[in-house]
Amino acid sequence: MKILVIEDSDSIRRMIETLVAARGHKVHAVNTGAKGLEAAFADVPDAILLDLHLPGTFDGFGVCERLRANDTTRAVPIIIISAMSDDATKQRAAEKGATAYYTKPFSPTALLKVLETIQNKPLH
């Protein structure tokens, strides 16, 4: 599976990249929302792991909204991984089209399990 990781923290991005790649997935990781959108539109991933607090023009909500508005990425599962744990943020993420929401620190096992579920479920 091709996984796109959009996370501005170098240490968290590397940890997710290592975790997911160890399970045999192809991982492309970027550190801004704009780079994430560019990567997703250039080579549509099978799933996107997305932080909400991102530097630059597009935060995670904006990225999610733009991915859902585009025909090529509309059905791609988007898993939010964020330090924000309040219900309003989770609700907003769901309204923007997030598939799942994990709060940092997150369980690596739970993340791998959701990726496995996505892998075994056809998108169409």
C-alpha atoms as a PDB file:
ATOM      1  CA  MET A   1       0.000   0.000   0.000  1.00  0.00           C
ATOM      2  CA  LYS A   2       1.163   3.554  -0.722  1.00  0.00           C
ATOM      3  CA  ILE A   3       0.939   5.712   2.401  1.00  0.00           C
ATOM      4  CA  LEU A   4       1.383   9.494   2.416  1.00  0.00           C
ATOM      5  CA  VAL A   5       2.451  10.958   5.768  1.00  0.00           C
ATOM      6  CA  ILE A   6       1.909  14.710   6.246  1.00  0.00           C
ATOM      7  CA  GLU A   7       3.523  15.652   9.565  1.00  0.00           C
ATOM      8  CA  ASP A   8       5.692  18.670  10.425  1.00  0.00           C
ATOM      9  CA  SER A   9       7.490  17.136  13.420  1.00  0.00           C
ATOM     10  CA  ASP A  10      10.647  15.430  12.137  1.00  0.00           C
ATOM     11  CA  SER A  11      10.767  12.879  14.956  1.00  0.00           C
ATOM     12  CA  ILE A  12       7.085  11.894  14.686  1.00  0.00           C
ATOM     13  CA  ARG A  13       7.253  11.792  10.872  1.00  0.00           C
ATOM     14  CA  ARG A  14      10.315   9.507  10.971  1.00  0.00           C
ATOM     15  CA  MET A  15       8.711   7.272  13.615  1.00  0.00           C
ATOM     16  CA  ILE A  16       5.507   6.867  11.565  1.00  0.00           C
ATOM     17  CA  GLU A  17       7.529   6.336   8.393  1.00  0.00           C
ATOM     18  CA  THR A  18       9.634   3.600  10.050  1.00  0.00           C
ATOM     19  CA  LEU A  19       6.596   1.931  11.634  1.00  0.00           C
ATOM     20  CA  VAL A  20       4.572   1.826   8.411  1.00  0.00           C
ATOM     21  CA  ALA A  21       7.500   0.898   6.146  1.00  0.00           C
ATOM     22  CA  ALA A  22       8.379  -2.008   8.488  1.00  0.00           C
ATOM     23  CA  ARG A  23       4.988  -3.506   7.595  1.00  0.00           C
ATOM     24  CA  GLY A  24       5.929  -3.454   3.921  1.00  0.00           C
ATOM     25  CA  HIS A  25       4.105  -0.295   2.895  1.00  0.00           C
ATOM     26  CA  LYS A  26       5.617   2.260   0.526  1.00  0.00           C
ATOM     27  CA  VAL A  27       5.824   5.552   2.438  1.00  0.00           C
ATOM     28  CA  HIS A  28       6.177   9.102   1.171  1.00  0.00           C
ATOM     29  CA  ALA A  29       6.524  11.669   3.957  1.00  0.00           C
ATOM     30  CA  VAL A  30       6.335  15.467   3.744  1.00  0.00           C
ATOM     31  CA  ASN A  31       6.333  18.263   6.313  1.00  0.00           C
ATOM     32  CA  THR A  32       3.770  20.810   5.029  1.00  0.00           C
ATOM     33  CA  GLY A  33       0.193  20.767   3.850  1.00  0.00           C
ATOM     34  CA  ALA A  34       1.117  22.240   0.464  1.00  0.00           C
ATOM     35  CA  LYS A  35       3.706  19.497  -0.148  1.00  0.00           C
ATOM     36  CA  GLY A  36       1.147  16.930   0.986  1.00  0.00           C
ATOM     37  CA  LEU A  37      -1.457  18.135  -1.492  1.00  0.00           C
ATOM     38  CA  GLU A  38       1.119  18.221  -4.274  1.00  0.00           C
ATOM     39  CA  ALA A  39       2.240  14.655  -3.453  1.00  0.00           C
ATOM     40  CA  ALA A  40      -1.341  13.325  -3.183  1.00  0.00           C
ATOM     41  CA  PHE A  41      -2.406  14.801  -6.515  1.00  0.00           C
ATOM     42  CA  ALA A  42       0.796  13.687  -8.309  1.00  0.00           C
ATOM     43  CA  ASP A  43       0.659  10.058  -7.116  1.00  0.00           C
ATOM     44  CA  VAL A  44      -2.619   9.190  -5.377  1.00  0.00           C
ATOM     45  CA  PRO A  45      -1.874   7.219  -2.196  1.00  0.00           C
ATOM     46  CA  ASP A  46      -3.927   4.380  -0.734  1.00  0.00           C
ATOM     47  CA  ALA A  47      -4.131   6.191   2.618  1.00  0.00           C
ATOM     48  CA  ILE A  48      -3.029   9.495   4.140  1.00  0.00           C
ATOM     49  CA  LEU A  49      -1.793  10.028   7.698  1.00  0.00           C
ATOM     50  CA  LEU A  50      -2.342  13.713   8.434  1.00  0.00           C
ATOM     51  CA  ASP A  51      -1.386  16.060  11.267  1.00  0.00           C
ATOM     52  CA  LEU A  52      -3.677  19.053  11.870  1.00  0.00           C
ATOM     53  CA  HIS A  53      -1.064  21.612  12.969  1.00  0.00           C
ATOM     54  CA  LEU A  54       1.001  22.217   9.847  1.00  0.00           C
ATOM     55  CA  PRO A  55       3.100  25.225   8.875  1.00  0.00           C
ATOM     56  CA  GLY A  56       2.362  27.276   5.787  1.00  0.00           C
ATOM     57  CA  THR A  57      -0.766  27.921   3.760  1.00  0.00           C
ATOM     58  CA  PHE A  58      -2.696  24.717   4.507  1.00  0.00           C
ATOM     59  CA  ASP A  59      -3.265  23.222   7.936  1.00  0.00           C
ATOM     60  CA  GLY A  60      -4.624  19.680   8.251  1.00  0.00           C
ATOM     61  CA  PHE A  61      -8.236  20.848   7.978  1.00  0.00           C
ATOM     62  CA  GLY A  62      -7.475  22.681   4.730  1.00  0.00           C
ATOM     63  CA  VAL A  63      -5.604  19.675   3.356  1.00  0.00           C
ATOM     64  CA  CYS A  64      -8.492  17.364   4.226  1.00  0.00           C
ATOM     65  CA  GLU A  65     -11.017  19.714   2.634  1.00  0.00           C
ATOM     66  CA  ARG A  66      -9.030  20.004  -0.608  1.00  0.00           C
ATOM     67  CA  LEU A  67      -8.445  16.259  -0.839  1.00  0.00           C
ATOM     68  CA  ARG A  68     -12.182  15.619  -0.474  1.00  0.00           C
ATOM     69  CA  ALA A  69     -13.014  18.267  -3.101  1.00  0.00           C
ATOM     70  CA  ASN A  70     -10.788  16.610  -5.727  1.00  0.00           C
ATOM     71  CA  ASP A  71     -12.169  13.700  -7.764  1.00  0.00           C
ATOM     72  CA  THR A  72      -8.860  11.779  -7.740  1.00  0.00           C
ATOM     73  CA  THR A  73      -8.416  11.884  -3.941  1.00  0.00           C
ATOM     74  CA  ARG A  74     -12.036  12.043  -2.739  1.00  0.00           C
ATOM     75  CA  ALA A  75     -12.159   8.367  -1.671  1.00  0.00           C
ATOM     76  CA  VAL A  76      -8.668   8.102  -0.161  1.00  0.00           C
ATOM     77  CA  PRO A  77      -8.878   7.300   3.572  1.00  0.00           C
ATOM     78  CA  ILE A  78      -7.509  10.158   5.701  1.00  0.00           C
ATOM     79  CA  ILE A  79      -6.342   9.292   9.201  1.00  0.00           C
ATOM     80  CA  ILE A  80      -5.792  12.308  11.434  1.00  0.00           C
ATOM     81  CA  ILE A  81      -2.989  12.071  13.998  1.00  0.00           C
ATOM     82  CA  SER A  82      -3.134  15.134  16.236  1.00  0.00           C
ATOM     83  CA  ALA A  83      -2.223  16.373  19.710  1.00  0.00           C
ATOM     84  CA  MET A  84      -5.634  18.060  19.893  1.00  0.00           C
ATOM     85  CA  SER A  85      -8.040  15.809  21.752  1.00  0.00           C
ATOM     86  CA  ASP A  86     -11.120  17.991  22.235  1.00  0.00           C
ATOM     87  CA  ASP A  87     -14.466  16.956  20.799  1.00  0.00           C
ATOM     88  CA  ALA A  88     -14.873  20.155  18.746  1.00  0.00           C
ATOM     89  CA  THR A  89     -11.628  19.478  16.870  1.00  0.00           C
ATOM     90  CA  LYS A  90     -12.564  15.849  16.263  1.00  0.00           C
ATOM     91  CA  GLN A  91     -16.003  16.948  15.019  1.00  0.00           C
ATOM     92  CA  ARG A  92     -14.454  19.537  12.685  1.00  0.00           C
ATOM     93  CA  ALA A  93     -12.053  16.917  11.291  1.00  0.00           C
ATOM     94  CA  ALA A  94     -14.980  14.571  10.641  1.00  0.00           C
ATOM     95  CA  GLU A  95     -16.901  17.367   8.908  1.00  0.00           C
ATOM     96  CA  LYS A  96     -13.892  18.014   6.655  1.00  0.00           C
ATOM     97  CA  GLY A  97     -13.870  14.342   5.660  1.00  0.00           C
ATOM     98  CA  ALA A  98     -11.463  12.557   8.009  1.00  0.00           C
ATOM     99  CA  THR A  99     -11.863   8.780   8.041  1.00  0.00           C
ATOM    100  CA  ALA A 100     -10.370   8.225  11.513  1.00  0.00           C
ATOM    101  CA  TYR A 101      -8.840  10.309  14.321  1.00  0.00           C
ATOM    102  CA  TYR A 102      -5.977   9.374  16.641  1.00  0.00           C
ATOM    103  CA  THR A 103      -4.697  11.554  19.453  1.00  0.00           C
ATOM    104  CA  LYS A 104      -0.948  11.897  20.074  1.00  0.00           C
ATOM    105  CA  PRO A 105       0.577  10.012  21.662  1.00  0.00           C
ATOM    106  CA  PHE A 106      -1.136   7.313  19.630  1.00  0.00           C
ATOM    107  CA  SER A 107      -0.944   3.542  19.730  1.00  0.00           C
ATOM    108  CA  PRO A 108       1.273   2.205  16.925  1.00  0.00           C
ATOM    109  CA  THR A 109      -0.698  -1.048  17.080  1.00  0.00           C
ATOM    110  CA  ALA A 110      -4.011   0.786  16.585  1.00  0.00           C
ATOM    111  CA  LEU A 111      -2.576   2.747  13.649  1.00  0.00           C
ATOM    112  CA  LEU A 112      -1.296  -0.408  11.959  1.00  0.00           C
ATOM    113  CA  LYS A 113      -4.659  -2.086  12.566  1.00  0.00           C
ATOM    114  CA  VAL A 114      -6.580   0.733  10.827  1.00  0.00           C
ATOM    115  CA  LEU A 115      -4.155   0.575   7.884  1.00  0.00           C
ATOM    116  CA  GLU A 116      -4.674  -3.178   7.692  1.00  0.00           C
ATOM    117  CA  THR A 117      -8.472  -2.628   7.644  1.00  0.00           C
ATOM    118  CA  ILE A 118      -8.096  -0.074   4.836  1.00  0.00           C
ATOM    119  CA  GLN A 119      -5.814  -2.418   2.902  1.00  0.00           C
ATOM    120  CA  ASN A 120      -8.375  -5.225   3.064  1.00  0.00           C
ATOM    121  CA  LYS A 121     -11.321  -3.039   2.080  1.00  0.00           C
ATOM    122  CA  PRO A 122     -11.778  -1.952  -1.543  1.00  0.00           C
ATOM    123  CA  LEU A 123     -12.246   1.803  -1.987  1.00  0.00           C
ATOM    124  CA  HIS A 124     -14.925   1.470  -4.673  1.00  0.00           C
END
